[in-house]
Amino acid sequence: MAARTSAQVEKAKRKLIKLLASEPGFVGAGISRGASGQYEIIVLVKEASSPVLDKTPSEWEGIPVRTQIGGVPREL
């Protein structure tokens, strides 16, 4: 897999958000560097039973995707 620039990863993340935004349990998405040092997209979901987990790909546009249980967003 070729290394992606941060701009490419950000663009891919925005596309993935558009795909998942209307799914029940979707909270948001972010970008991180994985253990290998490569960029990855993190999809935040409300709970382990969230239906969005079934629709979240393990890879999106050549970028690894992982999910993280984050709970319900709250105001600070």
N, C-alpha and C. Protein backbone atom coordinates (compact mmCIF):
# COMPACT_ATOMS: atom_id res chain seq x y z
N MET A 1 0.85 -1.18 0.00
CA MET A 1 0.00 0.00 0.00
C MET A 1 0.89 1.24 0.00
N ALA A 2 0.62 2.16 -0.90
CA ALA A 2 1.39 3.40 -0.99
C ALA A 2 1.02 4.35 0.14
N ALA A 3 2.00 5.09 0.59
CA ALA A 3 1.75 6.08 1.64
C ALA A 3 0.84 7.18 1.09
N ARG A 4 -0.07 7.64 1.91
CA ARG A 4 -1.00 8.69 1.52
C ARG A 4 -0.62 9.99 2.22
N THR A 5 -0.88 11.11 1.56
CA THR A 5 -0.64 12.40 2.20
C THR A 5 -1.81 12.69 3.15
N SER A 6 -1.60 13.61 4.06
CA SER A 6 -2.67 13.97 5.00
C SER A 6 -3.88 14.54 4.25
N ALA A 7 -3.64 15.25 3.17
CA ALA A 7 -4.75 15.81 2.38
C ALA A 7 -5.57 14.69 1.73
N GLN A 8 -4.92 13.66 1.23
CA GLN A 8 -5.63 12.53 0.63
C GLN A 8 -6.46 11.79 1.68
N VAL A 9 -5.89 11.62 2.85
CA VAL A 9 -6.59 10.92 3.93
C VAL A 9 -7.78 11.74 4.40
N GLU A 10 -7.61 13.04 4.52
CA GLU A 10 -8.71 13.93 4.93
C GLU A 10 -9.85 13.87 3.92
N LYS A 11 -9.52 13.87 2.64
CA LYS A 11 -10.55 13.80 1.60
C LYS A 11 -11.29 12.46 1.67
N ALA A 12 -10.57 11.39 1.85
CA ALA A 12 -11.19 10.07 1.98
C ALA A 12 -12.08 10.01 3.22
N LYS A 13 -11.62 10.60 4.32
CA LYS A 13 -12.42 10.62 5.55
C LYS A 13 -13.74 11.34 5.33
N ARG A 14 -13.70 12.47 4.67
CA ARG A 14 -14.94 13.23 4.40
C ARG A 14 -15.92 12.41 3.57
N LYS A 15 -15.41 11.67 2.58
CA LYS A 15 -16.27 10.82 1.76
C LYS A 15 -16.89 9.71 2.60
N LEU A 16 -16.10 9.12 3.49
CA LEU A 16 -16.61 8.06 4.35
C LEU A 16 -17.67 8.60 5.31
N ILE A 17 -17.46 9.80 5.83
CA ILE A 17 -18.46 10.42 6.70
C ILE A 17 -19.78 10.59 5.96
N LYS A 18 -19.72 11.05 4.71
CA LYS A 18 -20.94 11.21 3.91
C LYS A 18 -21.68 9.88 3.77
N LEU A 19 -20.93 8.80 3.61
CA LEU A 19 -21.52 7.48 3.45
C LEU A 19 -22.20 7.01 4.75
N LEU A 20 -21.56 7.27 5.89
CA LEU A 20 -22.03 6.71 7.16
C LEU A 20 -22.87 7.65 8.01
N ALA A 21 -22.90 8.93 7.69
CA ALA A 21 -23.52 9.93 8.57
C ALA A 21 -24.97 9.64 8.93
N SER A 22 -25.72 9.05 8.04
CA SER A 22 -27.14 8.80 8.33
C SER A 22 -27.38 7.46 9.01
N GLU A 23 -26.34 6.70 9.25
CA GLU A 23 -26.49 5.39 9.88
C GLU A 23 -26.69 5.53 11.40
N PRO A 24 -27.61 4.75 11.96
CA PRO A 24 -27.83 4.80 13.41
C PRO A 24 -26.55 4.41 14.17
N GLY A 25 -26.21 5.20 15.15
CA GLY A 25 -25.04 4.91 15.98
C GLY A 25 -23.77 5.59 15.53
N PHE A 26 -23.77 6.24 14.36
CA PHE A 26 -22.57 6.95 13.90
C PHE A 26 -22.37 8.21 14.73
N VAL A 27 -21.17 8.41 15.26
CA VAL A 27 -20.86 9.59 16.06
C VAL A 27 -19.97 10.55 15.29
N GLY A 28 -18.96 10.04 14.60
CA GLY A 28 -18.04 10.89 13.86
C GLY A 28 -16.86 10.09 13.36
N ALA A 29 -15.87 10.77 12.81
CA ALA A 29 -14.67 10.10 12.30
C ALA A 29 -13.47 11.01 12.49
N GLY A 30 -12.32 10.39 12.59
CA GLY A 30 -11.08 11.13 12.76
C GLY A 30 -9.96 10.43 12.03
N ILE A 31 -8.78 11.01 12.13
CA ILE A 31 -7.59 10.46 11.49
C ILE A 31 -6.53 10.25 12.57
N SER A 32 -5.82 9.15 12.44
CA SER A 32 -4.75 8.85 13.39
C SER A 32 -3.63 8.16 12.62
N ARG A 33 -2.54 7.96 13.29
CA ARG A 33 -1.46 7.15 12.72
C ARG A 33 -1.50 5.81 13.43
N GLY A 34 -1.54 4.74 12.67
CA GLY A 34 -1.58 3.40 13.23
C GLY A 34 -0.22 2.99 13.78
N ALA A 35 -0.16 1.77 14.27
CA ALA A 35 1.08 1.24 14.84
C ALA A 35 2.22 1.23 13.83
N SER A 36 1.88 1.09 12.55
CA SER A 36 2.90 1.06 11.50
C SER A 36 3.38 2.45 11.10
N GLY A 37 2.72 3.49 11.64
CA GLY A 37 3.07 4.86 11.29
C GLY A 37 2.28 5.41 10.12
N GLN A 38 1.48 4.57 9.48
CA GLN A 38 0.64 5.00 8.36
C GLN A 38 -0.66 5.60 8.89
N TYR A 39 -1.23 6.49 8.11
CA TYR A 39 -2.52 7.08 8.48
C TYR A 39 -3.61 6.01 8.49
N GLU A 40 -4.60 6.22 9.35
CA GLU A 40 -5.79 5.39 9.37
C GLU A 40 -6.98 6.28 9.70
N ILE A 41 -8.15 5.85 9.28
CA ILE A 41 -9.39 6.56 9.59
C ILE A 41 -10.04 5.84 10.76
N ILE A 42 -10.46 6.59 11.75
CA ILE A 42 -11.14 6.02 12.91
C ILE A 42 -12.60 6.44 12.84
N VAL A 43 -13.50 5.47 12.86
CA VAL A 43 -14.94 5.73 12.86
C VAL A 43 -15.43 5.55 14.30
N LEU A 44 -16.00 6.60 14.85
CA LEU A 44 -16.52 6.56 16.22
C LEU A 44 -17.99 6.19 16.18
N VAL A 45 -18.35 5.20 16.99
CA VAL A 45 -19.73 4.75 17.05
C VAL A 45 -20.25 4.85 18.48
N LYS A 46 -21.56 4.91 18.60
CA LYS A 46 -22.21 5.11 19.89
C LYS A 46 -22.00 3.95 20.84
N GLU A 47 -22.22 2.71 20.36
CA GLU A 47 -22.11 1.53 21.23
C GLU A 47 -21.79 0.30 20.40
N ALA A 48 -21.42 -0.78 21.08
CA ALA A 48 -21.00 -2.00 20.39
C ALA A 48 -22.11 -2.63 19.56
N SER A 49 -23.35 -2.29 19.83
CA SER A 49 -24.47 -2.85 19.06
C SER A 49 -24.93 -1.90 17.94
N SER A 50 -24.21 -0.83 17.70
CA SER A 50 -24.58 0.15 16.68
C SER A 50 -24.58 -0.50 15.29
N PRO A 51 -25.69 -0.34 14.54
CA PRO A 51 -25.77 -0.93 13.19
C PRO A 51 -24.70 -0.41 12.23
N VAL A 52 -24.16 0.75 12.50
CA VAL A 52 -23.14 1.31 11.60
C VAL A 52 -21.90 0.41 11.54
N LEU A 53 -21.67 -0.39 12.56
CA LEU A 53 -20.50 -1.27 12.57
C LEU A 53 -20.52 -2.23 11.38
N ASP A 54 -21.70 -2.69 11.00
CA ASP A 54 -21.82 -3.62 9.88
C ASP A 54 -21.55 -2.96 8.54
N LYS A 55 -21.69 -1.66 8.48
CA LYS A 55 -21.51 -0.93 7.21
C LYS A 55 -20.15 -0.24 7.11
N THR A 56 -19.37 -0.29 8.15
CA THR A 56 -18.06 0.36 8.15
C THR A 56 -17.04 -0.57 7.50
N PRO A 57 -16.40 -0.13 6.42
CA PRO A 57 -15.40 -0.99 5.76
C PRO A 57 -14.11 -1.06 6.57
N SER A 58 -13.35 -2.12 6.38
CA SER A 58 -12.05 -2.23 7.06
C SER A 58 -10.98 -1.41 6.35
N GLU A 59 -11.28 -1.03 5.11
CA GLU A 59 -10.38 -0.20 4.32
C GLU A 59 -11.23 0.70 3.43
N TRP A 60 -10.80 1.93 3.26
CA TRP A 60 -11.53 2.89 2.44
C TRP A 60 -10.53 3.64 1.58
N GLU A 61 -10.69 3.52 0.28
CA GLU A 61 -9.78 4.17 -0.68
C GLU A 61 -8.31 3.87 -0.37
N GLY A 62 -8.05 2.62 0.02
CA GLY A 62 -6.69 2.18 0.31
C GLY A 62 -6.16 2.57 1.66
N ILE A 63 -7.02 3.12 2.52
CA ILE A 63 -6.61 3.57 3.86
C ILE A 63 -7.28 2.67 4.89
N PRO A 64 -6.53 2.13 5.83
CA PRO A 64 -7.13 1.28 6.87
C PRO A 64 -8.17 2.06 7.68
N VAL A 65 -9.24 1.38 8.05
CA VAL A 65 -10.30 1.98 8.86
C VAL A 65 -10.50 1.10 10.08
N ARG A 66 -10.60 1.73 11.24
CA ARG A 66 -10.94 0.98 12.44
C ARG A 66 -12.06 1.70 13.16
N THR A 67 -12.81 0.95 13.93
CA THR A 67 -13.91 1.55 14.68
C THR A 67 -13.55 1.66 16.14
N GLN A 68 -14.17 2.61 16.78
CA GLN A 68 -13.95 2.83 18.21
C GLN A 68 -15.29 3.19 18.85
N ILE A 69 -15.60 2.53 19.95
CA ILE A 69 -16.83 2.81 20.68
C ILE A 69 -16.58 4.09 21.48
N GLY A 70 -17.42 5.10 21.23
CA GLY A 70 -17.19 6.39 21.86
C GLY A 70 -18.32 6.90 22.72
N GLY A 71 -19.47 6.26 22.67
CA GLY A 71 -20.61 6.74 23.43
C GLY A 71 -21.30 7.90 22.74
N VAL A 72 -22.25 8.48 23.46
CA VAL A 72 -23.03 9.59 22.92
C VAL A 72 -22.26 10.90 23.12
N PRO A 73 -22.16 11.73 22.06
CA PRO A 73 -21.49 13.01 22.22
C PRO A 73 -22.24 13.87 23.24
N ARG A 74 -21.51 14.68 23.99
CA ARG A 74 -22.15 15.55 24.96
C ARG A 74 -21.50 16.92 24.89
N GLU A 75 -22.27 17.92 25.31
CA GLU A 75 -21.74 19.28 25.33
C GLU A 75 -20.87 19.46 26.56
N LEU A 76 -19.87 20.29 26.40
CA LEU A 76 -18.99 20.60 27.54
C LEU A 76 -19.38 21.91 28.15
